[in-house]
Amino acid sequence: MTASVQDSRLKRRFELWDTNGDGSIDRSDYETEARRILQGFGEQENSPKGRALLSAYTGMWDTLASKAGVNSGGQVTLDQFIQITDSEIAHGGDSGFDRNLRPTIEAIVDICDTDGDGEVSPAEFKRWMRAAGVDERQAEQAFSQLDSNHNGSLSVEELVDAVRDYHQGKHDISLLGK
């Protein structure tokens, strides 16, 4: 994948977090996305699953802020975000991805798995994607492409692989809204 494609993907991710459009992101932007997901599933923030999701998102923020040299209440610019995320996720390999994003994906899957079967059904996936700002048609297409074993559901590993492979440029199946 070219650097411009990678930067474009990271810029899109940044824009989705920069909810107030001020050109920087902060801890509240990560918390806002976590709360949107919780709201999309009717999960309370103070439930065990809600606390785990918020903790995973704020953990991502704390790592980013630390790498950027700002305190937890500071702000990160687009250039800082791209540089750090590129280093940690795109070029950090599986271990970098696992350190930075796996806990969040696992917490999201735990919220999405409303029937408790350990996997994400098409309906559960659509709810997650709707909370992330992805339209239903795009969500349906992404689900069918991501269901690598064609069993009609997505495991944690399929979702972890999908997000990692997208950010490492191994496929173009986007899980980001427009």
Protein backbone atom coordinates (compact mmCIF):
# COMPACT_ATOMS: atom_id res chain seq x y z
CA MET A 1 0.00 0.00 0.00
CA THR A 2 1.29 3.44 -0.81
CA ALA A 3 1.98 6.00 1.87
CA SER A 4 -0.74 8.26 0.45
CA VAL A 5 -3.39 5.51 0.82
CA GLN A 6 -2.23 4.78 4.36
CA ASP A 7 -2.27 8.48 5.23
CA SER A 8 -5.74 8.81 3.70
CA ARG A 9 -7.05 5.97 5.89
CA LEU A 10 -5.48 7.42 9.00
CA LYS A 11 -6.79 10.89 8.15
CA ARG A 12 -10.31 9.46 7.82
CA ARG A 13 -9.98 7.75 11.21
CA PHE A 14 -8.76 11.02 12.73
CA GLU A 15 -11.65 12.97 11.19
CA LEU A 16 -14.16 10.55 12.67
CA TRP A 17 -12.69 11.07 16.13
CA ASP A 18 -12.38 14.85 15.73
CA THR A 19 -16.07 15.31 16.43
CA ASN A 20 -15.86 19.08 16.93
CA GLY A 21 -13.75 19.59 13.79
CA ASP A 22 -11.05 21.64 15.51
CA GLY A 23 -8.15 19.77 13.88
CA SER A 24 -7.10 17.95 17.00
CA ILE A 25 -8.30 15.00 19.02
CA ASP A 26 -8.39 14.47 22.73
CA ARG A 27 -9.56 11.95 25.29
CA SER A 28 -13.18 13.10 25.01
CA ASP A 29 -13.22 12.21 21.30
CA TYR A 30 -12.34 8.60 22.13
CA GLU A 31 -14.90 8.54 24.92
CA THR A 32 -17.55 9.91 22.54
CA GLU A 33 -17.08 7.01 20.11
CA ALA A 34 -17.22 4.48 22.93
CA ARG A 35 -20.43 6.05 24.21
CA ARG A 36 -21.98 5.96 20.71
CA ILE A 37 -21.34 2.22 20.57
CA LEU A 38 -22.74 1.73 24.06
CA GLN A 39 -25.82 3.76 23.16
CA GLY A 40 -26.26 1.80 19.92
CA PHE A 41 -26.53 -1.39 21.96
CA GLY A 42 -28.41 0.03 24.94
CA GLU A 43 -25.48 -0.79 27.22
CA GLN A 44 -24.92 1.32 30.31
CA GLU A 45 -21.53 2.97 30.87
CA ASN A 46 -21.30 1.61 34.39
CA SER A 47 -22.02 -2.01 33.43
CA PRO A 48 -19.03 -4.37 33.28
CA LYS A 49 -19.13 -4.34 29.47
CA GLY A 50 -19.57 -0.57 29.40
CA ARG A 51 -16.65 0.01 31.74
CA ALA A 52 -14.49 -2.39 29.69
CA LEU A 53 -15.26 -0.57 26.44
CA LEU A 54 -14.62 2.88 27.90
CA SER A 55 -11.41 1.60 29.48
CA ALA A 56 -10.23 0.15 26.16
CA TYR A 57 -10.90 3.40 24.32
CA THR A 58 -9.26 5.58 26.98
CA GLY A 59 -6.34 3.15 27.02
CA MET A 60 -5.88 3.76 23.29
CA TRP A 61 -5.97 7.48 23.95
CA ASP A 62 -3.50 7.29 26.83
CA THR A 63 -1.02 5.39 24.67
CA LEU A 64 -1.38 7.89 21.82
CA ALA A 65 -1.06 10.87 24.16
CA SER A 66 2.01 9.38 25.81
CA LYS A 67 3.69 8.72 22.45
CA ALA A 68 2.83 12.28 21.37
CA GLY A 69 4.32 13.70 24.56
CA VAL A 70 1.08 15.24 25.80
CA ASN A 71 -0.67 14.63 29.08
CA SER A 72 -3.94 12.75 29.27
CA GLY A 73 -5.89 16.01 29.04
CA GLY A 74 -3.92 17.30 26.04
CA GLN A 75 -4.58 17.27 22.32
CA VAL A 76 -3.00 15.44 19.38
CA THR A 77 -2.80 16.93 15.88
CA LEU A 78 -3.43 15.07 12.64
CA ASP A 79 0.30 14.96 11.84
CA GLN A 80 1.11 13.50 15.27
CA PHE A 81 -1.70 10.98 14.94
CA ILE A 82 -0.56 9.82 11.51
CA GLN A 83 3.08 9.54 12.56
CA ILE A 84 2.36 7.62 15.76
CA THR A 85 -0.38 5.39 14.37
CA ASP A 86 1.66 4.58 11.28
CA SER A 87 4.59 3.58 13.47
CA GLU A 88 2.56 1.63 16.03
CA ILE A 89 -0.09 -0.03 13.84
CA ALA A 90 0.95 -0.09 10.20
CA HIS A 91 4.63 -0.76 10.75
CA GLY A 92 4.43 -2.23 14.25
CA GLY A 93 3.23 -5.54 12.88
CA ASP A 94 0.94 -7.88 14.73
CA SER A 95 2.48 -7.11 18.12
CA GLY A 96 1.99 -3.36 17.65
CA PHE A 97 -1.57 -3.90 16.57
CA ASP A 98 -2.28 -6.29 19.44
CA ARG A 99 -0.85 -3.83 21.95
CA ASN A 100 -2.80 -0.86 20.63
CA LEU A 101 -6.09 -2.04 19.12
CA ARG A 102 -6.88 -5.64 20.07
CA PRO A 103 -8.26 -4.76 23.53
CA THR A 104 -10.68 -2.26 21.97
CA ILE A 105 -11.86 -4.68 19.29
CA GLU A 106 -12.39 -7.40 21.90
CA ALA A 107 -14.40 -4.98 24.06
CA ILE A 108 -16.49 -3.93 21.04
CA VAL A 109 -17.18 -7.57 20.16
CA ASP A 110 -18.25 -8.21 23.75
CA ILE A 111 -20.79 -5.35 23.44
CA CYS A 112 -21.94 -6.47 19.98
CA ASP A 113 -22.42 -10.09 20.96
CA THR A 114 -25.89 -9.55 22.36
CA ASP A 115 -26.86 -13.21 22.17
CA GLY A 116 -23.72 -14.37 24.02
CA ASP A 117 -22.59 -16.91 21.42
CA GLY A 118 -19.06 -15.50 21.24
CA GLU A 119 -19.50 -14.27 17.66
CA VAL A 120 -21.00 -11.29 15.88
CA SER A 121 -24.06 -12.00 13.73
CA PRO A 122 -24.98 -9.92 10.67
CA ALA A 123 -27.59 -8.02 12.71
CA GLU A 124 -25.12 -7.36 15.56
CA PHE A 125 -22.50 -6.24 13.06
CA LYS A 126 -24.96 -3.82 11.42
CA ARG A 127 -25.76 -2.28 14.83
CA TRP A 128 -22.05 -1.74 15.47
CA MET A 129 -21.48 -0.25 12.03
CA ARG A 130 -24.53 2.01 12.39
CA ALA A 131 -23.09 3.31 15.69
CA ALA A 132 -19.78 3.90 13.85
CA GLY A 133 -21.53 5.86 11.08
CA VAL A 134 -21.40 3.17 8.38
CA ASP A 135 -24.49 2.83 6.21
CA GLU A 136 -26.39 -0.47 6.14
CA ARG A 137 -25.46 -1.44 2.60
CA GLN A 138 -21.74 -0.88 3.24
CA ALA A 139 -22.06 -2.87 6.48
CA GLU A 140 -23.72 -5.79 4.66
CA GLN A 141 -20.98 -5.83 2.02
CA ALA A 142 -18.24 -5.62 4.63
CA PHE A 143 -19.77 -8.45 6.65
CA SER A 144 -19.90 -10.83 3.71
CA GLN A 145 -16.31 -9.99 2.77
CA LEU A 146 -15.04 -10.38 6.34
CA ASP A 147 -16.77 -13.71 7.03
CA SER A 148 -13.67 -15.60 5.93
CA ASN A 149 -14.94 -19.04 6.96
CA HIS A 150 -18.43 -18.35 5.52
CA ASN A 151 -20.26 -19.53 8.63
CA GLY A 152 -22.58 -16.50 8.79
CA SER A 153 -20.95 -14.88 11.82
CA LEU A 154 -17.72 -13.11 12.68
CA SER A 155 -15.40 -14.30 15.40
CA VAL A 156 -13.17 -12.02 17.45
CA GLU A 157 -10.24 -13.25 15.37
CA GLU A 158 -11.96 -12.48 12.07
CA LEU A 159 -12.68 -8.95 13.29
CA VAL A 160 -9.20 -8.43 14.72
CA ASP A 161 -7.72 -9.68 11.44
CA ALA A 162 -10.04 -7.43 9.43
CA VAL A 163 -9.15 -4.24 11.31
CA ARG A 164 -5.43 -5.08 11.37
CA ASP A 165 -5.35 -6.00 7.69
CA TYR A 166 -7.20 -2.82 6.74
CA HIS A 167 -4.76 -0.62 8.64
CA GLN A 168 -1.76 -2.58 7.38
CA GLY A 169 -3.03 -2.25 3.80
CA LYS A 170 -3.76 -5.92 3.17
CA HIS A 171 -7.36 -5.24 2.05
CA ASP A 172 -9.73 -2.36 1.32
CA ILE A 173 -12.77 -3.46 3.34
CA SER A 174 -13.46 -0.31 5.32
CA LEU A 175 -15.10 -0.37 8.73
CA LEU A 176 -15.17 3.42 8.87
CA GLY A 177 -18.14 5.63 8.13
CA LYS A 178 -18.17 8.08 5.27
